[in-house]
Amino acid sequence: MSELKGQLLGMILVLSIFGIIAGTLIPVFQNTATRLESEMDVNLSSQVSERIMNVNI
């Protein structure tokens, strides 16, 4: 019976560690994706305005 309790405790510890890691990494990835998206929007809009200016010249 004690072996079963040890295995259950090990599973609970592993799952909680993975939960903590996922809980910290998911917001980091979301913030990075949002920042990259905004930077890409700025870069794309500046490229489009440069091309429009080149066409008008």
Protein backbone atom coordinates (compact mmCIF):
# COMPACT_ATOMS: atom_id res chain seq x y z
CA MET A 1 0.00 0.00 0.00
CA SER A 2 2.84 2.40 0.74
CA GLU A 3 4.27 1.83 -2.75
CA LEU A 4 0.95 2.92 -4.24
CA LYS A 5 0.95 6.05 -2.07
CA GLY A 6 4.49 6.83 -3.20
CA GLN A 7 3.53 6.49 -6.84
CA LEU A 8 0.48 8.70 -6.37
CA LEU A 9 2.59 11.31 -4.59
CA GLY A 10 5.13 11.19 -7.41
CA MET A 11 2.41 11.65 -10.03
CA ILE A 12 0.92 14.57 -8.12
CA LEU A 13 4.32 16.22 -7.79
CA VAL A 14 5.14 15.79 -11.48
CA LEU A 15 1.75 17.12 -12.57
CA SER A 16 2.00 20.10 -10.24
CA ILE A 17 5.50 20.93 -11.50
CA PHE A 18 4.31 20.78 -15.11
CA GLY A 19 1.30 22.92 -14.16
CA ILE A 20 3.55 25.56 -12.59
CA ILE A 21 5.84 25.59 -15.62
CA ALA A 22 2.90 25.86 -18.02
CA GLY A 23 1.36 28.60 -15.87
CA THR A 24 4.48 30.71 -16.17
CA LEU A 25 5.35 30.00 -19.81
CA ILE A 26 1.92 30.57 -21.36
CA PRO A 27 1.70 34.27 -20.38
CA VAL A 28 5.31 34.81 -21.48
CA PHE A 29 4.55 33.37 -24.92
CA GLN A 30 1.33 35.39 -25.20
CA ASN A 31 3.13 38.63 -24.32
CA THR A 32 5.90 37.86 -26.80
CA ALA A 33 3.39 37.08 -29.55
CA THR A 34 1.52 40.32 -28.87
CA ARG A 35 4.73 42.36 -28.92
CA LEU A 36 5.90 40.73 -32.16
CA GLU A 37 2.51 41.30 -33.75
CA SER A 38 2.59 45.01 -32.92
CA GLU A 39 6.18 45.33 -34.20
CA MET A 40 5.24 43.57 -37.43
CA ASP A 41 2.26 45.90 -37.89
CA VAL A 42 4.54 48.92 -37.50
CA ASN A 43 7.11 47.49 -39.92
CA LEU A 44 4.49 46.52 -42.49
CA SER A 45 2.76 49.89 -42.34
CA SER A 46 6.07 51.71 -42.80
CA GLN A 47 6.95 49.48 -45.76
CA VAL A 48 3.55 50.10 -47.35
CA SER A 49 3.89 53.86 -46.91
CA GLU A 50 7.40 53.75 -48.44
CA ARG A 51 6.10 51.83 -51.44
CA ILE A 52 3.24 54.26 -51.89
CA MET A 53 5.70 57.16 -51.81
CA ASN A 54 7.90 55.40 -54.38
CA VAL A 55 4.93 54.85 -56.70
CA ASN A 56 3.92 58.52 -56.44
CA ILE A 57 7.42 59.71 -57.37
